[in-house]
Amino acid sequence: MKIGLRVIKTGIAVFVSILFGNLLGIEYPFYTVIAVVIVMQPTVVDSWKFGMNRMMGTTAGAVLGVILALVLPHNPVVAALGFIILISFMNWIKKGESISIGAVVFASVYLSEVLSTQEHILYAGARLFETFLGIIVAVAVNYLVFPPNYDKKVIMESRKTSKDLWKYNLILIDFFLQEEQRYAALDEQEKQVLKELEISEKFLELQRKEEEIKLHGEFRTRDTVITLRLEREIYQHLQSMHQVMDRGIKKETLELVRLDMQLVREMLGNIHNMEEQILNRNIRETIDLDPIIEKLREMKKNVKNHEDLNRFPTDEMIKLLVFIYNLEQSLSKINLIPDY
């Protein structure tokens, strides 16, 4: 069982909130702890938004509870009317997220076992203070203790994706040359790349939120957006190649480009042996895919101009050209992935 940083930070925030509660004379810091647990979110921005929603709901519920308690306390009709007013008001100001906590605070204030006006006001004030304390502690702990740093996570995941896209390319070429027949390996590689892309995009969305308040981090969202967009496009090109392989290409059609494709595979294989260096910014400049890309363009041109082109079925030639075109495009976009 893995215990994440958010879980640890929640525990720290609960400890701090109870400690402050004791110092400030809060006998039962129930609302403080609840606020901490709810407000502790994956990003500081989300913590702040949840905190603001909770503050608004708590304030609205406490104020309405006091007002109606002064008019007619412990009355079921007034209580029902209070919930209607509260929910309608929160919807009107477009703060539906605050309704639940507002309703809880309203019920606790309006239905509290106190007698005097002053006690109602003090009770409502105490609930507000306890909630605000929990919100402040949660946001502060989330910001200061193990602060979220999603930019590094998205870059690490993106580098894994680039490596697997590279492998996906090689496996597809092996299938094309009929040197690899394990379709399970091809499907597994596709699923692996898609999973990594989705994880990267999730981290990117979290990174975008953190940059709203310019938090910790070395990379900027615009850098990762470029890389993930290229990786997503490369994946789409590889899927097109994969679909060609699913439909199959006849052996006699492959013979048109077999020698050239074997040369491309050999050139890519040499680079694959340096795959750890492909994404290393100190060595990346020494790796140039342009000769391979140019070879594929030449191959595509030769197919179109082949003297015996008409004796091959049109469907076969389309599949062949689709494969070569998408391979060329995938390598061209790998060449464009920015260095980090």
Protein backbone atom coordinates (compact mmCIF):
# COMPACT_ATOMS: atom_id res chain seq x y z
CA MET A 1 0.00 0.00 0.00
CA LYS A 2 1.39 3.34 -1.08
CA ILE A 3 0.77 6.43 1.05
CA GLY A 4 0.79 9.55 -1.13
CA LEU A 5 2.01 13.01 -0.22
CA ARG A 6 -1.54 14.36 -0.14
CA VAL A 7 -2.43 11.82 2.56
CA ILE A 8 0.63 12.79 4.59
CA LYS A 9 -0.14 16.51 4.17
CA THR A 10 -3.72 15.93 5.30
CA GLY A 11 -2.43 14.27 8.47
CA ILE A 12 0.00 17.14 9.09
CA ALA A 13 -2.75 19.73 8.53
CA VAL A 14 -5.12 17.92 10.92
CA PHE A 15 -2.39 17.88 13.58
CA VAL A 16 -1.63 21.58 13.11
CA SER A 17 -5.30 22.56 13.13
CA ILE A 18 -5.97 20.67 16.38
CA LEU A 19 -2.82 22.16 17.90
CA PHE A 20 -3.91 25.71 17.00
CA GLY A 21 -7.43 24.89 18.17
CA ASN A 22 -6.11 23.91 21.59
CA LEU A 23 -3.99 27.05 21.79
CA LEU A 24 -7.00 29.19 20.83
CA GLY A 25 -9.31 27.47 23.31
CA ILE A 26 -11.44 25.50 20.84
CA GLU A 27 -12.74 22.60 22.92
CA TYR A 28 -14.12 20.45 20.08
CA PRO A 29 -12.33 21.31 16.78
CA PHE A 30 -14.72 19.16 14.73
CA TYR A 31 -15.46 21.81 12.10
CA THR A 32 -11.78 22.72 11.86
CA VAL A 33 -10.74 19.16 11.06
CA ILE A 34 -13.59 18.65 8.59
CA ALA A 35 -12.56 21.84 6.77
CA VAL A 36 -8.95 20.61 6.60
CA VAL A 37 -9.91 17.25 5.10
CA ILE A 38 -12.23 18.76 2.48
CA VAL A 39 -9.96 21.66 1.48
CA MET A 40 -6.78 19.56 1.09
CA GLN A 41 -6.75 19.04 -2.70
CA PRO A 42 -4.17 17.88 -5.30
CA THR A 43 -3.30 21.50 -6.18
CA VAL A 44 -3.02 24.67 -4.11
CA VAL A 45 -5.38 26.41 -6.54
CA ASP A 46 -8.02 23.74 -5.94
CA SER A 47 -7.46 24.02 -2.17
CA TRP A 48 -8.04 27.76 -2.40
CA LYS A 49 -11.20 27.32 -4.50
CA PHE A 50 -12.61 24.66 -2.17
CA GLY A 51 -11.72 26.89 0.78
CA MET A 52 -13.49 29.91 -0.71
CA ASN A 53 -16.58 27.81 -1.47
CA ARG A 54 -16.58 26.50 2.08
CA MET A 55 -16.13 30.00 3.52
CA MET A 56 -19.08 31.31 1.50
CA GLY A 57 -21.30 28.38 2.43
CA THR A 58 -20.36 28.56 6.10
CA THR A 59 -20.94 32.32 6.25
CA ALA A 60 -24.30 32.15 4.47
CA GLY A 61 -25.51 29.24 6.61
CA ALA A 62 -24.37 30.83 9.88
CA VAL A 63 -25.87 34.27 9.14
CA LEU A 64 -29.20 32.84 7.98
CA GLY A 65 -29.29 30.46 10.93
CA VAL A 66 -28.84 33.33 13.40
CA ILE A 67 -31.43 35.53 11.70
CA LEU A 68 -34.13 32.85 11.63
CA ALA A 69 -33.29 31.67 15.16
CA LEU A 70 -33.94 35.21 16.38
CA VAL A 71 -37.32 35.21 14.59
CA LEU A 72 -38.63 31.77 15.60
CA PRO A 73 -36.17 29.08 16.77
CA HIS A 74 -36.72 25.33 16.47
CA ASN A 75 -39.70 25.63 14.17
CA PRO A 76 -39.99 22.99 11.41
CA VAL A 77 -41.72 25.37 8.97
CA VAL A 78 -39.08 28.07 9.48
CA ALA A 79 -36.32 25.45 9.19
CA ALA A 80 -37.72 24.24 5.85
CA LEU A 81 -38.07 27.84 4.65
CA GLY A 82 -34.47 28.49 5.69
CA PHE A 83 -33.16 25.64 3.55
CA ILE A 84 -35.19 26.89 0.57
CA ILE A 85 -33.82 30.43 1.01
CA LEU A 86 -30.24 29.21 1.43
CA ILE A 87 -30.24 26.88 -1.58
CA SER A 88 -31.97 29.44 -3.80
CA PHE A 89 -29.51 32.15 -2.77
CA MET A 90 -26.42 29.99 -3.39
CA ASN A 91 -27.76 28.99 -6.82
CA TRP A 92 -28.54 32.63 -7.60
CA ILE A 93 -24.95 33.69 -6.94
CA LYS A 94 -23.75 30.60 -8.87
CA LYS A 95 -22.12 28.95 -5.86
CA GLY A 96 -23.83 25.58 -5.95
CA GLU A 97 -20.66 23.95 -4.57
CA SER A 98 -21.27 25.80 -1.29
CA ILE A 99 -24.81 24.53 -0.73
CA SER A 100 -23.94 21.35 1.20
CA ILE A 101 -21.69 22.99 3.78
CA GLY A 102 -24.04 25.99 4.01
CA ALA A 103 -26.96 23.67 4.78
CA VAL A 104 -24.96 21.81 7.45
CA VAL A 105 -23.92 25.05 9.18
CA PHE A 106 -27.44 26.49 8.94
CA ALA A 107 -28.89 23.36 10.56
CA SER A 108 -26.26 23.34 13.33
CA VAL A 109 -26.84 27.04 14.13
CA TYR A 110 -30.62 27.18 13.80
CA LEU A 111 -31.23 23.90 15.64
CA SER A 112 -28.54 24.41 18.29
CA GLU A 113 -29.52 23.97 21.95
CA VAL A 114 -28.97 27.59 23.01
CA LEU A 115 -31.46 29.95 24.51
CA SER A 116 -30.43 33.58 24.21
CA THR A 117 -29.77 35.78 21.21
CA GLN A 118 -26.20 36.31 22.34
CA GLU A 119 -25.61 32.56 22.55
CA HIS A 120 -26.87 32.05 19.00
CA ILE A 121 -24.52 34.72 17.70
CA LEU A 122 -21.58 33.34 19.68
CA TYR A 123 -22.33 29.80 18.50
CA ALA A 124 -22.47 30.91 14.84
CA GLY A 125 -19.29 32.94 15.26
CA ALA A 126 -17.50 29.94 16.76
CA ARG A 127 -18.49 27.72 13.82
CA LEU A 128 -17.25 30.36 11.37
CA PHE A 129 -13.96 30.77 13.19
CA GLU A 130 -13.32 27.02 13.42
CA THR A 131 -14.05 26.54 9.72
CA PHE A 132 -11.88 29.48 8.66
CA LEU A 133 -9.03 28.17 10.80
CA GLY A 134 -9.20 24.76 9.09
CA ILE A 135 -9.24 26.37 5.63
CA ILE A 136 -6.23 28.58 6.37
CA VAL A 137 -4.24 25.65 7.80
CA ALA A 138 -5.07 23.36 4.84
CA VAL A 139 -4.09 25.93 2.19
CA ALA A 140 -0.90 26.87 4.08
CA VAL A 141 0.20 23.24 4.55
CA ASN A 142 -0.55 22.41 0.89
CA TYR A 143 1.54 25.37 -0.24
CA LEU A 144 4.47 25.01 2.17
CA VAL A 145 4.80 21.26 2.85
CA PHE A 146 5.82 19.11 -0.15
CA PRO A 147 4.39 21.74 -2.54
CA PRO A 148 2.83 20.28 -5.72
CA ASN A 149 5.32 20.14 -8.59
CA TYR A 150 3.47 18.69 -11.53
CA ASP A 151 5.73 20.14 -14.22
CA LYS A 152 8.48 17.61 -13.44
CA LYS A 153 5.93 14.79 -13.34
CA VAL A 154 4.52 15.67 -16.75
CA ILE A 155 8.01 15.94 -18.24
CA MET A 156 9.06 12.56 -16.80
CA GLU A 157 5.88 10.94 -18.11
CA SER A 158 6.34 12.65 -21.47
CA ARG A 159 9.86 11.25 -21.79
CA LYS A 160 8.54 7.76 -21.08
CA THR A 161 5.90 8.32 -23.77
CA SER A 162 8.54 9.41 -26.29
CA LYS A 163 10.55 6.25 -25.65
CA ASP A 164 7.48 4.05 -26.07
CA LEU A 165 6.44 5.89 -29.23
CA TRP A 166 9.91 5.09 -30.56
CA LYS A 167 9.47 1.40 -29.71
CA TYR A 168 5.99 1.44 -31.24
CA ASN A 169 7.54 2.72 -34.49
CA LEU A 170 10.09 -0.09 -34.54
CA ILE A 171 7.55 -2.81 -33.80
CA LEU A 172 5.29 -1.54 -36.60
CA ILE A 173 8.17 -1.61 -39.08
CA ASP A 174 8.99 -5.17 -37.99
CA PHE A 175 5.37 -6.14 -38.65
CA PHE A 176 5.51 -4.40 -41.99
CA LEU A 177 8.59 -6.43 -42.94
CA GLN A 178 6.83 -9.53 -41.58
CA GLU A 179 9.69 -10.07 -39.16
CA GLU A 180 7.39 -9.77 -36.14
CA GLN A 181 4.07 -11.62 -35.93
CA ARG A 182 3.11 -11.25 -32.26
CA TYR A 183 0.04 -9.03 -32.54
CA ALA A 184 -0.31 -9.04 -28.76
CA ALA A 185 2.99 -7.14 -28.50
CA LEU A 186 1.74 -4.54 -30.98
CA ASP A 187 -1.55 -4.05 -29.13
CA GLU A 188 0.20 -3.88 -25.76
CA GLN A 189 2.54 -1.18 -27.03
CA GLU A 190 -0.40 0.86 -28.31
CA LYS A 191 -2.20 0.60 -24.95
CA GLN A 192 0.97 1.54 -23.07
CA VAL A 193 1.48 4.69 -25.15
CA LEU A 194 -2.18 5.73 -24.79
CA LYS A 195 -2.05 5.24 -21.02
CA GLU A 196 1.10 7.36 -20.74
CA LEU A 197 -0.43 10.11 -22.90
CA GLU A 198 -3.51 10.25 -20.68
CA ILE A 199 -1.37 10.44 -17.52
CA SER A 200 0.76 13.21 -19.04
CA GLU A 201 -2.33 15.20 -20.03
CA LYS A 202 -3.76 14.81 -16.53
CA PHE A 203 -0.53 16.17 -14.99
CA LEU A 204 -0.53 18.98 -17.55
CA GLU A 205 -4.01 20.06 -16.45
CA LEU A 206 -2.82 20.13 -12.83
CA GLN A 207 0.27 22.09 -13.87
CA ARG A 208 -1.94 24.66 -15.62
CA LYS A 209 -3.83 25.20 -12.36
CA GLU A 210 -0.64 25.67 -10.36
CA GLU A 211 0.70 28.24 -12.80
CA GLU A 212 -2.35 30.41 -12.08
CA ILE A 213 -0.62 31.43 -8.86
CA LYS A 214 2.94 30.99 -10.16
CA LEU A 215 3.98 28.20 -7.82
CA HIS A 216 7.10 26.09 -7.69
CA GLY A 217 8.38 24.60 -10.93
CA GLU A 218 11.05 24.82 -13.58
CA PHE A 219 9.04 24.29 -16.76
CA ARG A 220 6.19 26.30 -18.18
CA THR A 221 2.88 24.97 -19.46
CA ARG A 222 3.51 26.19 -23.02
CA ASP A 223 6.61 23.95 -23.24
CA THR A 224 4.78 20.83 -22.18
CA VAL A 225 1.75 21.64 -24.35
CA ILE A 226 3.98 21.61 -27.45
CA THR A 227 5.54 18.28 -26.52
CA LEU A 228 2.25 16.56 -25.63
CA ARG A 229 0.57 17.85 -28.78
CA LEU A 230 3.40 16.40 -30.88
CA GLU A 231 3.27 13.10 -29.00
CA ARG A 232 -0.49 12.88 -29.47
CA GLU A 233 -0.07 13.52 -33.23
CA ILE A 234 2.72 10.91 -33.45
CA TYR A 235 0.44 8.42 -31.71
CA GLN A 236 -2.31 9.11 -34.27
CA HIS A 237 0.14 8.49 -37.14
CA LEU A 238 1.21 5.22 -35.53
CA GLN A 239 -2.42 4.20 -35.11
CA SER A 240 -2.90 4.69 -38.87
CA MET A 241 0.10 2.43 -39.49
CA HIS A 242 -1.33 -0.05 -36.99
CA GLN A 243 -4.64 -0.13 -38.89
CA VAL A 244 -2.75 -0.90 -42.11
CA MET A 245 -1.07 -3.83 -40.36
CA ASP A 246 -4.44 -5.06 -39.08
CA ARG A 247 -5.71 -5.13 -42.67
CA GLY A 248 -2.47 -6.69 -43.92
CA ILE A 249 -0.29 -6.06 -47.00
CA LYS A 250 0.48 -8.78 -49.50
CA LYS A 251 4.05 -10.03 -49.72
CA GLU A 252 4.45 -9.08 -53.36
CA THR A 253 3.45 -5.50 -52.52
CA LEU A 254 6.03 -5.34 -49.76
CA GLU A 255 8.76 -6.39 -52.18
CA LEU A 256 8.47 -2.97 -53.84
CA VAL A 257 10.04 -1.31 -50.81
CA ARG A 258 11.48 -4.16 -48.76
CA LEU A 259 15.15 -3.27 -49.27
CA ASP A 260 14.58 0.41 -48.60
CA MET A 261 12.45 -0.30 -45.53
CA GLN A 262 15.07 -2.71 -44.18
CA LEU A 263 17.62 0.08 -44.52
CA VAL A 264 15.30 2.47 -42.66
CA ARG A 265 14.81 -0.17 -39.95
CA GLU A 266 18.56 -0.62 -39.62
CA MET A 267 19.13 3.14 -39.32
CA LEU A 268 16.38 3.46 -36.72
CA GLY A 269 17.71 0.42 -34.88
CA ASN A 270 21.11 2.05 -34.55
CA ILE A 271 19.47 5.08 -32.96
CA HIS A 272 17.29 2.83 -30.79
CA ASN A 273 20.47 1.40 -29.27
CA MET A 274 21.04 4.94 -27.96
CA GLU A 275 17.45 5.39 -26.77
CA GLU A 276 18.54 6.66 -23.35
CA GLN A 277 20.44 9.39 -25.13
CA ILE A 278 17.60 10.37 -27.48
CA LEU A 279 15.91 12.41 -24.77
CA ASN A 280 19.13 13.64 -23.18
CA ARG A 281 19.62 17.30 -23.98
CA ASN A 282 23.38 16.98 -23.88
CA ILE A 283 23.46 14.44 -26.72
CA ARG A 284 20.12 15.01 -28.50
CA GLU A 285 21.71 17.35 -31.06
CA THR A 286 23.93 14.53 -32.35
CA ILE A 287 20.89 12.46 -33.35
CA ASP A 288 19.46 13.51 -36.70
CA LEU A 289 16.43 11.78 -38.21
CA ASP A 290 16.49 13.89 -41.37
CA PRO A 291 18.38 11.30 -43.50
CA ILE A 292 15.79 8.65 -42.57
CA ILE A 293 12.91 11.02 -43.27
CA GLU A 294 14.41 11.91 -46.64
CA LYS A 295 14.80 8.20 -47.40
CA LEU A 296 11.10 7.66 -46.71
CA ARG A 297 10.14 10.55 -48.99
CA GLU A 298 12.27 9.06 -51.72
CA MET A 299 10.68 5.67 -51.11
CA LYS A 300 7.20 7.17 -51.40
CA LYS A 301 8.14 8.90 -54.65
CA ASN A 302 9.58 5.68 -56.09
CA VAL A 303 6.39 3.79 -55.32
CA LYS A 304 4.25 6.40 -57.07
CA ASN A 305 6.51 6.35 -60.12
CA HIS A 306 7.10 2.60 -60.26
CA GLU A 307 6.92 1.26 -63.82
CA ASP A 308 4.82 -1.76 -62.79
CA LEU A 309 2.50 0.21 -60.53
CA ASN A 310 -0.63 -0.65 -62.53
CA ARG A 311 -0.26 -4.39 -62.03
CA PHE A 312 -0.80 -4.03 -58.25
CA PRO A 313 -4.30 -3.70 -56.75
CA THR A 314 -5.18 -0.09 -55.93
CA ASP A 315 -6.11 -1.01 -52.38
CA GLU A 316 -2.67 -2.56 -51.82
CA MET A 317 -0.86 0.53 -53.10
CA ILE A 318 -2.97 2.82 -50.94
CA LYS A 319 -2.13 0.79 -47.83
CA LEU A 320 1.56 0.85 -48.72
CA LEU A 321 1.60 4.62 -49.25
CA VAL A 322 -0.43 5.25 -46.09
CA PHE A 323 2.10 3.28 -44.06
CA ILE A 324 5.12 5.08 -45.55
CA TYR A 325 3.49 8.52 -45.24
CA ASN A 326 2.55 8.05 -41.58
CA LEU A 327 5.99 6.66 -40.74
CA GLU A 328 7.56 9.72 -42.35
CA GLN A 329 5.23 12.05 -40.44
CA SER A 330 5.80 10.33 -37.10
CA LEU A 331 9.59 10.61 -37.43
CA SER A 332 9.32 14.23 -38.58
CA LYS A 333 7.36 15.09 -35.45
CA ILE A 334 9.72 13.14 -33.19
CA ASN A 335 12.41 15.38 -34.66
CA LEU A 336 10.41 18.44 -33.52
CA ILE A 337 9.97 17.45 -29.88
CA PRO A 338 11.65 20.22 -27.83
CA ASP A 339 14.65 19.49 -25.64
CA TYR A 340 14.39 19.93 -21.88
